[in-house]
């Protein structure tokens, strides 16, 4: 059995996995996948030797605010899969009390903002369709969605903040 639990203090996921008792050595691999569908292995848990019984696995790199499905797989020395378990968990996003809008081109234009909420993340991928001569079906190529995107809306409290938020790097004077 695989149970996923959120450690809100560390913004991490704790997995409790009951490793089956196999004859001989056994190896555990743990992976996760989120909305993009890209499988990512949990650091330190790729073919990790493990004894039978319950083990605790920590994932400090889980994305925040999206549902993540974990898969734990146990294999024997021949590579035969003996057990596969899954569990889904979402690390809730905390309050946005210390949020900054960073201007990488002009650091003096960086300002703290008050953000009420962060909308759901979008995982866009580029895709191209190529028509091939003497081939009935076109060839479609696409990329893997690695980094999510979102649209940020915020309110400024003064005209100065509004001008700084809208300014391009060369528009403001120090």
Protein backbone atom coordinates (compact mmCIF):
# COMPACT_ATOMS: atom_id res chain seq x y z
CA UNK A 1 0.00 0.00 0.00
CA UNK A 2 1.21 3.55 -0.80
CA UNK A 3 -0.07 6.48 1.26
CA UNK A 4 0.81 10.10 0.42
CA UNK A 5 0.75 12.75 3.16
CA UNK A 6 1.61 16.47 3.01
CA UNK A 7 4.06 17.96 5.51
CA UNK A 8 2.80 21.56 5.41
CA UNK A 9 5.64 22.87 7.56
CA UNK A 10 8.25 21.78 5.01
CA UNK A 11 6.00 22.02 1.92
CA UNK A 12 6.94 18.44 1.06
CA UNK A 13 5.30 15.07 0.52
CA UNK A 14 5.78 12.05 2.79
CA UNK A 15 5.10 8.67 1.22
CA UNK A 16 4.51 5.57 3.30
CA UNK A 17 5.11 2.45 1.23
CA UNK A 18 4.70 -1.15 2.35
CA UNK A 19 7.48 -2.99 0.50
CA UNK A 20 6.46 -6.61 -0.19
CA UNK A 21 8.59 -9.49 1.08
CA UNK A 22 10.32 -11.05 -1.92
CA UNK A 23 12.76 -13.94 -1.95
CA UNK A 24 16.15 -12.31 -2.46
CA UNK A 25 17.06 -8.69 -3.06
CA UNK A 26 14.43 -6.13 -4.04
CA UNK A 27 14.65 -2.64 -5.42
CA UNK A 28 12.18 0.26 -5.11
CA UNK A 29 11.67 3.03 -7.66
CA UNK A 30 9.39 5.99 -6.93
CA UNK A 31 8.21 8.48 -9.54
CA UNK A 32 5.65 11.26 -9.79
CA UNK A 33 3.71 12.90 -12.60
CA UNK A 34 1.53 15.98 -12.58
CA UNK A 35 -0.74 17.73 -15.07
CA UNK A 36 1.91 17.79 -17.82
CA UNK A 37 2.06 13.97 -17.77
CA UNK A 38 5.88 14.07 -17.61
CA UNK A 39 7.19 11.33 -15.32
CA UNK A 40 9.85 12.48 -12.86
CA UNK A 41 11.73 10.23 -10.47
CA UNK A 42 11.85 11.14 -6.79
CA UNK A 43 15.42 12.06 -5.93
CA UNK A 44 17.26 9.12 -4.37
CA UNK A 45 14.58 6.53 -5.21
CA UNK A 46 15.60 4.99 -8.52
CA UNK A 47 16.30 1.29 -8.01
CA UNK A 48 16.96 1.78 -4.28
CA UNK A 49 17.66 -1.49 -2.40
CA UNK A 50 15.07 -1.95 0.33
CA UNK A 51 14.03 -4.54 2.89
CA UNK A 52 10.44 -5.69 3.34
CA UNK A 53 8.22 -3.59 5.55
CA UNK A 54 7.07 0.02 5.64
CA UNK A 55 9.46 2.70 4.45
CA UNK A 56 9.07 6.48 4.48
CA UNK A 57 10.03 8.44 1.37
CA UNK A 58 10.26 12.24 1.31
CA UNK A 59 9.83 14.38 -1.79
CA UNK A 60 10.95 17.98 -1.29
CA UNK A 61 10.60 18.83 -5.00
CA UNK A 62 6.88 18.24 -5.49
CA UNK A 63 5.05 21.07 -7.26
CA UNK A 64 2.75 23.20 -5.13
CA UNK A 65 -0.93 23.63 -5.90
CA UNK A 66 -1.40 20.82 -8.43
CA UNK A 67 -2.44 17.19 -8.08
CA UNK A 68 0.57 14.87 -8.27
CA UNK A 69 0.32 11.09 -8.66
CA UNK A 70 3.10 9.00 -7.16
CA UNK A 71 3.96 5.49 -8.31
CA UNK A 72 6.07 3.11 -6.22
CA UNK A 73 7.38 0.00 -7.98
CA UNK A 74 9.21 -2.95 -6.44
CA UNK A 75 11.35 -5.18 -8.65
CA UNK A 76 13.40 -8.29 -7.96
CA UNK A 77 17.02 -8.78 -9.07
CA UNK A 78 15.88 -10.02 -12.51
CA UNK A 79 13.95 -6.77 -13.09
CA UNK A 80 10.54 -8.39 -12.79
CA UNK A 81 7.96 -6.03 -11.32
CA UNK A 82 6.55 -7.56 -8.15
CA UNK A 83 4.39 -4.69 -6.89
CA UNK A 84 3.14 -1.31 -8.14
CA UNK A 85 1.15 1.13 -6.02
CA UNK A 86 -0.11 4.66 -6.70
CA UNK A 87 -1.30 7.57 -4.57
CA UNK A 88 -2.37 11.12 -5.43
CA UNK A 89 -1.79 14.23 -3.32
CA UNK A 90 -1.87 18.03 -3.67
CA UNK A 91 0.36 20.35 -1.66
CA UNK A 92 -1.86 23.34 -0.94
CA UNK A 93 -0.44 26.71 -1.86
CA UNK A 94 -0.01 28.89 1.18
CA UNK A 95 -0.88 32.53 1.61
CA UNK A 96 0.95 35.01 -0.60
CA UNK A 97 2.10 37.34 2.20
CA UNK A 98 5.63 38.08 0.99
CA UNK A 99 5.34 38.27 -2.80
CA UNK A 100 7.71 40.34 -4.91
CA UNK A 101 7.54 41.35 -8.56
CA UNK A 102 11.15 41.20 -9.71
CA UNK A 103 12.47 43.30 -12.57
CA UNK A 104 15.57 41.42 -13.71
CA UNK A 105 16.67 44.17 -16.09
CA UNK A 106 16.43 46.97 -13.50
CA UNK A 107 16.66 45.73 -9.93
CA UNK A 108 15.64 49.12 -8.54
CA UNK A 109 12.22 48.62 -10.14
CA UNK A 110 11.51 45.51 -8.02
CA UNK A 111 8.50 45.95 -5.74
CA UNK A 112 6.51 44.02 -3.21
CA UNK A 113 2.95 43.28 -4.34
CA UNK A 114 -0.16 42.03 -2.61
CA UNK A 115 -1.46 38.98 -4.44
CA UNK A 116 -4.88 37.64 -3.58
CA UNK A 117 -4.61 34.31 -5.40
CA UNK A 118 -2.66 32.45 -8.02
CA UNK A 119 -4.82 31.02 -10.82
CA UNK A 120 -4.43 27.48 -12.05
CA UNK A 121 -1.21 26.81 -13.90
CA UNK A 122 -1.14 26.14 -17.63
CA UNK A 123 1.39 23.78 -19.20
CA UNK A 124 1.64 24.99 -22.80
CA UNK A 125 3.50 22.99 -25.42
CA UNK A 126 4.55 24.01 -28.89
CA UNK A 127 3.33 21.83 -31.73
CA UNK A 128 3.96 21.86 -35.47
CA UNK A 129 2.23 20.07 -38.33
CA UNK A 130 4.34 19.13 -41.36
CA UNK A 131 2.75 18.00 -44.62
CA UNK A 132 4.99 15.49 -46.39
CA UNK A 133 4.83 15.03 -50.16
CA UNK A 134 3.40 11.61 -51.12
CA UNK A 135 2.32 10.90 -47.53
CA UNK A 136 -1.35 10.93 -46.65
CA UNK A 137 -1.01 11.78 -42.96
CA UNK A 138 1.02 14.79 -41.81
CA UNK A 139 3.80 14.51 -39.24
CA UNK A 140 3.10 16.26 -35.94
CA UNK A 141 5.95 17.29 -33.65
CA UNK A 142 5.55 18.68 -30.15
CA UNK A 143 7.66 19.58 -27.18
CA UNK A 144 7.39 18.47 -23.54
CA UNK A 145 5.70 20.96 -21.20
CA UNK A 146 8.31 21.68 -18.54
CA UNK A 147 7.50 25.06 -16.99
CA UNK A 148 3.97 26.17 -16.19
CA UNK A 149 2.73 29.65 -17.06
CA UNK A 150 0.00 31.87 -15.64
CA UNK A 151 -1.35 35.38 -15.91
CA UNK A 152 -0.72 37.62 -12.92
CA UNK A 153 -3.17 40.42 -12.13
CA UNK A 154 -2.48 42.82 -9.31
CA UNK A 155 -3.59 46.22 -8.03
CA UNK A 156 -1.28 49.13 -7.26
CA UNK A 157 -1.97 51.57 -4.43
CA UNK A 158 -0.41 54.68 -5.94
CA UNK A 159 0.40 56.31 -9.28
CA UNK A 160 4.10 55.77 -8.61
CA UNK A 161 3.60 52.02 -8.18
CA UNK A 162 1.47 51.90 -11.34
CA UNK A 163 4.14 53.67 -13.36
CA UNK A 164 6.88 51.40 -11.99
CA UNK A 165 4.82 48.27 -12.78
CA UNK A 166 4.19 49.38 -16.38
CA UNK A 167 7.65 50.80 -17.06
CA UNK A 168 10.20 49.31 -19.41
CA UNK A 169 13.80 49.27 -18.10
CA UNK A 170 14.85 52.54 -19.79
CA UNK A 171 11.68 54.49 -18.88
CA UNK A 172 12.59 55.07 -15.24
CA UNK A 173 15.37 57.25 -13.91
CA UNK A 174 17.30 56.33 -10.78
